[in-house]
Amino acid sequence: DEAVRGTCEDASVCKRFAVSVGYWKDPYIQYFVRQAKERKAPEINRGKLEWEWGHLTCYYARVHGVSYLIKAFLEKTECNCQIVNLGAGMDTLFWRLKDENLLPRKYFEVDFPMIVARKIHNIKSKPPLSKPIMESHSGDSLLIDSHSLDSSRYSIVGADLRFSADLEEKLKKHSLDIHLPTLLVAECVLVYMTPQQSANLLKWAASTFPVAMVINYEQVNMRDRFGHVMIENLQRRQCSLAGVELCSSLDSQRERLLVNGWENARAIDMMKVYSFLPQADVKRIEALEFLDEKELFEQLMQHYCICWASKDSSNL
């Protein structure tokens, strides 16, 4: 679990750097993550820089692709819904949605208690984070302790996603409404769980909410040589991808959603996502750090995907 928790720090630092370079705008990430040290010039270590550039651009496609699906759900439900961000880490989506006047009825975040405690500390100590929560809050006084925070529009809960009964109990204590259209978001989360554990989580979500959508971002096509190298690199850091067997193809990603109770499922790799993004903005970000070797980038993008599935008793 310690190595998995460490991926939260890696992801946060990468996002902070990408924002500082100009890949996308996020005025809140600075309050959760210190700025990374300046990188070396391209000519010093071109191979490493190609890899980093690929990751930053992959993050750019991930942020925009996931955001597109989230906003489509908010639009369809007219924000009369709830979002449950699973393994949220230092994510800033709540604050960005508030700025765009797109908050759902309630926004939940779940992560390991240790990560939640750190996030709550940052929220309490930094007014640009705490003020939007207070502004959106109504009713009784805001509830907060070391491992949870509960306001009328935003809650953060310390829980282990491998135990869905405990997760449901904690979410219901924070006013989870199973009858409300619900969007669950999991970014590089399920792959760290065994296939049985992630199946239990997906089954729980599909059986609990009559109207729901799940978005899953993680690895795909992991049986080829490039995939094996990715796995080996993580294993050197004592980080095991316990669920990697379900990441063998886009078909396997879709199938795991369908067999666990979801009615419709789709999956596309990040190269396809990248091709769908507004081309004027793609040209802008490609000009941020010019590197002419695209093969490594394309390989990386073909080894991540966005999957989404729904069950829809209301025909939204």
Foldseek 3Di string as FASTA:
>chain_A
DVLVLVVLLVVLQLVLQLCVLPLDDDPPSVLQHPHDDDDDDCVVPVVVVLVSLLVSVLVSLVVVVVVVVVVVVLVVQVLQFEEEEEQCQLPDVQVVCVVVVRAHQAYEYEHAQVSQLSNVVSQVVDCVNVVVQVVPFDDDDWDDDRRWTAGRHYIYHHDDLLDVVVVVVRVVVRPDDQAGEYEYEEEAHCQQPALVSSLVSLLCNLVRHQWYKYKYKDWALLPDPVNVVVQVVSVVSVRHRNHCVCRNHQVSVQVSNVVSRFDDKGKDFSVVSLVPPDVVSVVVSCVSDPDPDCPVSVVVRRTMMMMMTIRHPPPD
